[in-house]
Protein backbone atom coordinates (compact mmCIF):
# COMPACT_ATOMS: atom_id res chain seq x y z
CA UNK A 1 -5.89 18.67 30.98
CA UNK A 2 -7.29 18.60 27.68
CA UNK A 3 -4.68 18.25 25.79
CA UNK A 4 -3.24 14.97 27.64
CA UNK A 5 -7.06 13.46 27.51
CA UNK A 6 -6.84 14.40 23.26
CA UNK A 7 -3.28 12.62 23.92
CA UNK A 8 -4.62 9.28 25.53
CA UNK A 9 -7.44 9.14 23.11
CA UNK A 10 -4.53 9.25 20.21
CA UNK A 11 -2.69 6.48 21.28
CA UNK A 12 -5.62 4.37 22.53
CA UNK A 13 -7.01 4.47 18.95
CA UNK A 14 -3.59 4.23 17.41
CA UNK A 15 -3.48 0.07 19.33
CA UNK A 16 -7.16 -0.56 18.74
CA UNK A 17 -6.80 -0.45 15.23
CA UNK A 18 -3.59 -2.19 15.32
CA UNK A 19 -4.48 -5.10 17.46
CA UNK A 20 -7.89 -5.31 15.74
CA UNK A 21 -6.97 -5.02 12.02
CA UNK A 22 -3.32 -4.45 11.91
CA UNK A 23 -3.65 -1.03 10.50
CA UNK A 24 -2.78 2.04 11.73
CA UNK A 25 -5.78 4.60 11.93
CA UNK A 26 -3.93 8.06 13.06
CA UNK A 27 -1.17 8.98 11.25
CA UNK A 28 -0.97 7.60 8.48
CA UNK A 29 2.73 7.25 7.27
CA UNK A 30 2.47 3.62 8.73
CA UNK A 31 -0.32 2.91 6.27
CA UNK A 32 1.50 4.44 3.40
CA UNK A 33 4.61 2.18 4.07
CA UNK A 34 2.79 -0.57 3.91
CA UNK A 35 0.83 0.47 0.80
CA UNK A 36 4.37 0.23 -1.03
CA UNK A 37 5.74 -3.10 0.92
CA UNK A 38 2.71 -4.75 -0.12
CA UNK A 39 2.24 -3.75 -3.80
CA UNK A 40 6.05 -4.42 -4.04
CA UNK A 41 5.14 -7.63 -3.59
CA UNK A 42 2.46 -8.06 -6.05
CA UNK A 43 -0.29 -8.31 -3.14
CA UNK A 44 -2.53 -5.57 -4.81
CA UNK A 45 -5.68 -6.62 -2.53
CA UNK A 46 -3.43 -6.36 0.56
CA UNK A 47 -2.02 -3.15 -0.62
CA UNK A 48 -5.62 -1.52 -1.47
CA UNK A 49 -7.02 -2.13 2.01
CA UNK A 50 -4.34 0.18 3.66
CA UNK A 51 -5.72 3.04 1.14
CA UNK A 52 -9.18 2.85 2.84
CA UNK A 53 -7.85 4.37 5.93
CA UNK A 54 -5.61 7.17 4.19
CA UNK A 55 -8.68 8.54 1.98
CA UNK A 56 -11.16 8.32 4.98
CA UNK A 57 -8.02 10.42 6.93
CA UNK A 58 -7.91 12.78 3.99
CA UNK A 59 -11.81 13.00 4.10
CA UNK A 60 -11.98 14.07 7.91
CA UNK A 61 -9.18 16.51 7.29
CA UNK A 62 -11.04 18.51 4.39
CA UNK A 63 -14.25 18.16 6.76
CA UNK A 64 -12.54 20.44 9.95
CA UNK A 65 -11.30 22.59 7.29
CA UNK A 66 -14.42 23.42 5.42
CA UNK A 67 -16.30 24.32 8.98
CA UNK A 68 -13.18 26.80 9.47
CA UNK A 69 -14.29 28.50 6.03
CA UNK A 70 -15.77 31.80 7.29
CA UNK A 71 -19.04 31.21 5.08
CA UNK A 72 -19.43 27.82 7.09
CA UNK A 73 -17.75 29.23 10.32
CA UNK A 74 -20.47 32.55 10.94
CA UNK A 75 -23.08 29.81 10.97
CA UNK A 76 -21.91 27.03 12.68
CA UNK A 77 -20.01 29.30 15.18
CA UNK A 78 -18.73 26.52 17.24
CA UNK A 79 -16.43 24.10 14.91
CA UNK A 80 -14.48 22.72 17.70
CA UNK A 81 -17.67 21.27 19.78
CA UNK A 82 -18.93 20.05 16.48
CA UNK A 83 -15.58 18.28 15.85
CA UNK A 84 -15.48 16.52 19.54
CA UNK A 85 -19.13 15.69 19.24
CA UNK A 86 -18.86 13.84 15.82
CA UNK A 87 -15.57 12.45 17.40
CA UNK A 88 -17.57 11.14 20.17
CA UNK A 89 -20.68 9.49 17.81
CA UNK A 90 -18.05 7.95 15.56
CA UNK A 91 -16.36 6.12 18.38
CA UNK A 92 -19.95 5.15 20.02
CA UNK A 93 -21.13 3.89 16.93
CA UNK A 94 -17.60 1.47 16.67
CA UNK A 95 -18.19 0.74 20.24
CA UNK A 96 -21.75 -0.83 19.02
CA UNK A 97 -20.45 -2.88 16.03
CA UNK A 98 -19.99 -6.24 16.71
CA UNK A 99 -16.75 -8.21 16.25
CA UNK A 100 -17.45 -9.52 12.96
CA UNK A 101 -18.00 -6.56 11.33
CA UNK A 102 -15.33 -5.88 8.70
CA UNK A 103 -12.04 -4.09 9.26
CA UNK A 104 -12.41 -1.49 6.37
CA UNK A 105 -16.12 -0.43 8.25
CA UNK A 106 -13.78 0.20 11.42
CA UNK A 107 -11.22 1.78 9.86
CA UNK A 108 -12.59 4.30 7.98
CA UNK A 109 -14.70 5.86 11.16
CA UNK A 110 -11.65 5.68 13.45
CA UNK A 111 -9.50 7.61 10.65
CA UNK A 112 -12.39 10.25 10.00
CA UNK A 113 -12.47 10.27 13.79
CA UNK A 114 -7.96 10.41 14.20
CA UNK A 115 -8.53 13.58 11.59
CA UNK A 116 -11.12 15.41 12.54
CA UNK A 117 -8.98 15.49 16.02
CA UNK A 118 -5.62 15.87 14.17
CA UNK A 119 -6.85 19.02 12.06
CA UNK A 120 -8.75 20.69 14.46
CA UNK A 121 -6.34 20.23 17.80
CA UNK A 122 -3.11 21.33 16.88
CA UNK A 123 -1.52 23.45 20.17
CA UNK A 124 -0.69 22.65 23.50
CA UNK A 125 -1.01 25.85 25.70
CA UNK A 126 1.61 27.77 23.39
CA UNK A 127 3.38 24.83 21.67
CA UNK A 128 2.79 23.30 18.22
CA UNK A 129 2.07 19.10 19.27
CA UNK A 130 -0.04 16.45 18.00
CA UNK A 131 -1.86 14.43 19.63
CA UNK A 132 -1.89 11.25 17.09
CA UNK A 133 1.48 10.55 17.51
CA UNK A 134 4.46 10.66 18.98
CA UNK A 135 7.44 12.29 16.69
CA UNK A 136 6.75 15.65 16.31
CA UNK A 137 6.48 15.58 20.03
CA UNK A 138 9.71 14.61 20.67
CA UNK A 139 11.17 16.74 18.31
CA UNK A 140 9.89 19.81 19.78
CA UNK A 141 10.52 18.34 23.47
CA UNK A 142 14.30 17.75 22.34
CA UNK A 143 14.27 21.33 20.98
CA UNK A 144 12.91 22.65 24.00
CA UNK A 145 15.43 21.04 26.29
CA UNK A 146 18.34 22.34 23.90
CA UNK A 147 16.93 25.47 24.48
CA UNK A 148 15.94 25.03 28.29
CA UNK A 149 19.71 24.11 29.51
CA UNK A 150 21.76 25.70 26.70
CA UNK A 151 20.35 29.08 26.47
CA UNK A 152 18.71 29.18 30.39
CA UNK A 153 15.06 29.61 28.57
CA UNK A 154 13.18 28.79 31.49
CA UNK A 155 9.92 29.41 29.33
CA UNK A 156 11.12 26.45 27.15
CA UNK A 157 11.68 24.25 29.94
CA UNK A 158 7.88 24.24 30.58
CA UNK A 159 7.32 23.32 27.02
CA UNK A 160 9.41 20.14 27.58
CA UNK A 161 7.95 19.58 30.63
CA UNK A 162 4.44 19.47 28.76
CA UNK A 163 5.39 17.79 25.86
CA UNK A 164 7.24 15.10 27.90
CA UNK A 165 3.92 14.50 29.48
CA UNK A 166 2.11 13.78 26.29
CA UNK A 167 4.08 11.57 25.35
CA UNK A 168 3.86 9.59 28.24
CA UNK A 169 0.49 9.76 28.54
CA UNK A 170 0.22 8.47 24.36
CA UNK A 171 2.52 5.69 25.51
CA UNK A 172 0.27 4.35 28.79
CA UNK A 173 -2.89 4.21 26.29
CA UNK A 174 -1.26 2.93 23.96
CA UNK A 175 -0.32 -0.06 26.30
CA UNK A 176 -3.91 0.32 28.04
CA UNK A 177 -5.91 0.46 24.64
CA UNK A 178 -4.26 -3.21 23.43
CA UNK A 179 -4.61 -4.70 27.13
CA UNK A 180 -8.28 -3.62 26.85
CA UNK A 181 -8.52 -4.15 22.66
CA UNK A 182 -7.42 -7.88 23.35
CA UNK A 183 -10.11 -8.24 25.59
CA UNK A 184 -13.01 -6.24 24.68
CA UNK A 185 -12.77 -6.31 20.96
CA UNK A 186 -14.72 -3.72 19.40
CA UNK A 187 -16.06 -2.48 22.44
CA UNK A 188 -13.06 -1.08 23.38
CA UNK A 189 -13.61 2.12 21.52
CA UNK A 190 -15.98 3.11 24.14
CA UNK A 191 -13.04 4.19 26.37
CA UNK A 192 -11.96 7.09 24.09
CA UNK A 193 -15.17 7.95 23.57
CA UNK A 194 -15.87 8.44 27.16
CA UNK A 195 -12.62 10.60 27.43
CA UNK A 196 -13.81 12.53 24.43
CA UNK A 197 -16.88 13.41 26.49
CA UNK A 198 -15.42 14.28 29.36
CA UNK A 199 -13.01 16.70 27.33
CA UNK A 200 -15.74 18.37 25.86
CA UNK A 201 -17.60 18.74 29.34
CA UNK A 202 -14.42 20.51 30.03
CA UNK A 203 -14.04 22.62 27.02
CA UNK A 204 -17.95 23.62 27.06
CA UNK A 205 -17.35 24.68 30.94
CA UNK A 206 -14.25 26.76 30.05
CA UNK A 207 -15.42 28.86 27.31
CA UNK A 208 -18.96 29.19 29.37
CA UNK A 209 -16.29 30.82 32.15
CA UNK A 210 -14.60 32.95 29.71
CA UNK A 211 -17.35 34.05 27.78
CA UNK A 212 -19.07 35.31 31.07
CA UNK A 213 -15.64 36.89 32.06
CA UNK A 214 -15.08 38.37 29.20
CA UNK A 215 -18.90 40.12 29.20
CA UNK A 216 -18.40 40.83 32.70
CA UNK A 217 -15.33 43.35 31.36
CA UNK A 218 -17.22 44.44 28.68
CA UNK A 219 -20.39 45.39 30.90
CA UNK A 220 -17.36 47.04 33.55
CA UNK A 221 -16.03 48.99 30.84
CA UNK A 222 -19.53 50.19 29.53
CA UNK A 223 -20.40 51.52 32.89
CA UNK A 224 -16.79 53.26 33.45
CA UNK A 225 -17.34 55.15 30.30
CA UNK A 226 -20.93 56.28 30.84
CA UNK A 227 -19.67 57.14 34.47
CA UNK A 228 -17.55 59.69 32.33
CA UNK A 229 -20.32 60.96 30.70
């Protein structure tokens, strides 16, 4: 469930920044291509505008990597929760900004949020995936389908099904993001923020359940060992 919600957030955010400002805030390939195209036409100022989300994306990746460093991880302990909380705050801030806010301000925040999500969430059950783009998921899905039908690999069939669902959810969320953004402007960012709140709630609930189960198992093992003495 969390993987699908994150994919929906990714699709919505990319549509949001493209409809509002004509830039991509998720995977930065589109912005890098536009930098080259506009620079080749001598439009240096326009090219520089596309550098802004790229730089923000890099900063977001570095921030998450720092959270995973052993010295910091021991102090933070729950980096995934922190990452989700930062995403929620960032999108909530965007939702409160007036539509007259300069585009670079919005794209910096959204690109930072996208980078955090891209770096923190890379696996769907047992399969590498991304919540921010479709190409990699489509490639992995096609490879899994190949193994399912030619090698009769049932597990690969389940992987293909999960990834197909992710791509579908991403597409639907992008369409909804475009429609809502056209009518609501910056306020539309409240929708992915709400999705992330739900994701964080599910994540905290499931983590707590697993930790309680692990503690219960440990207590049971200790009792068994004591009974042998």
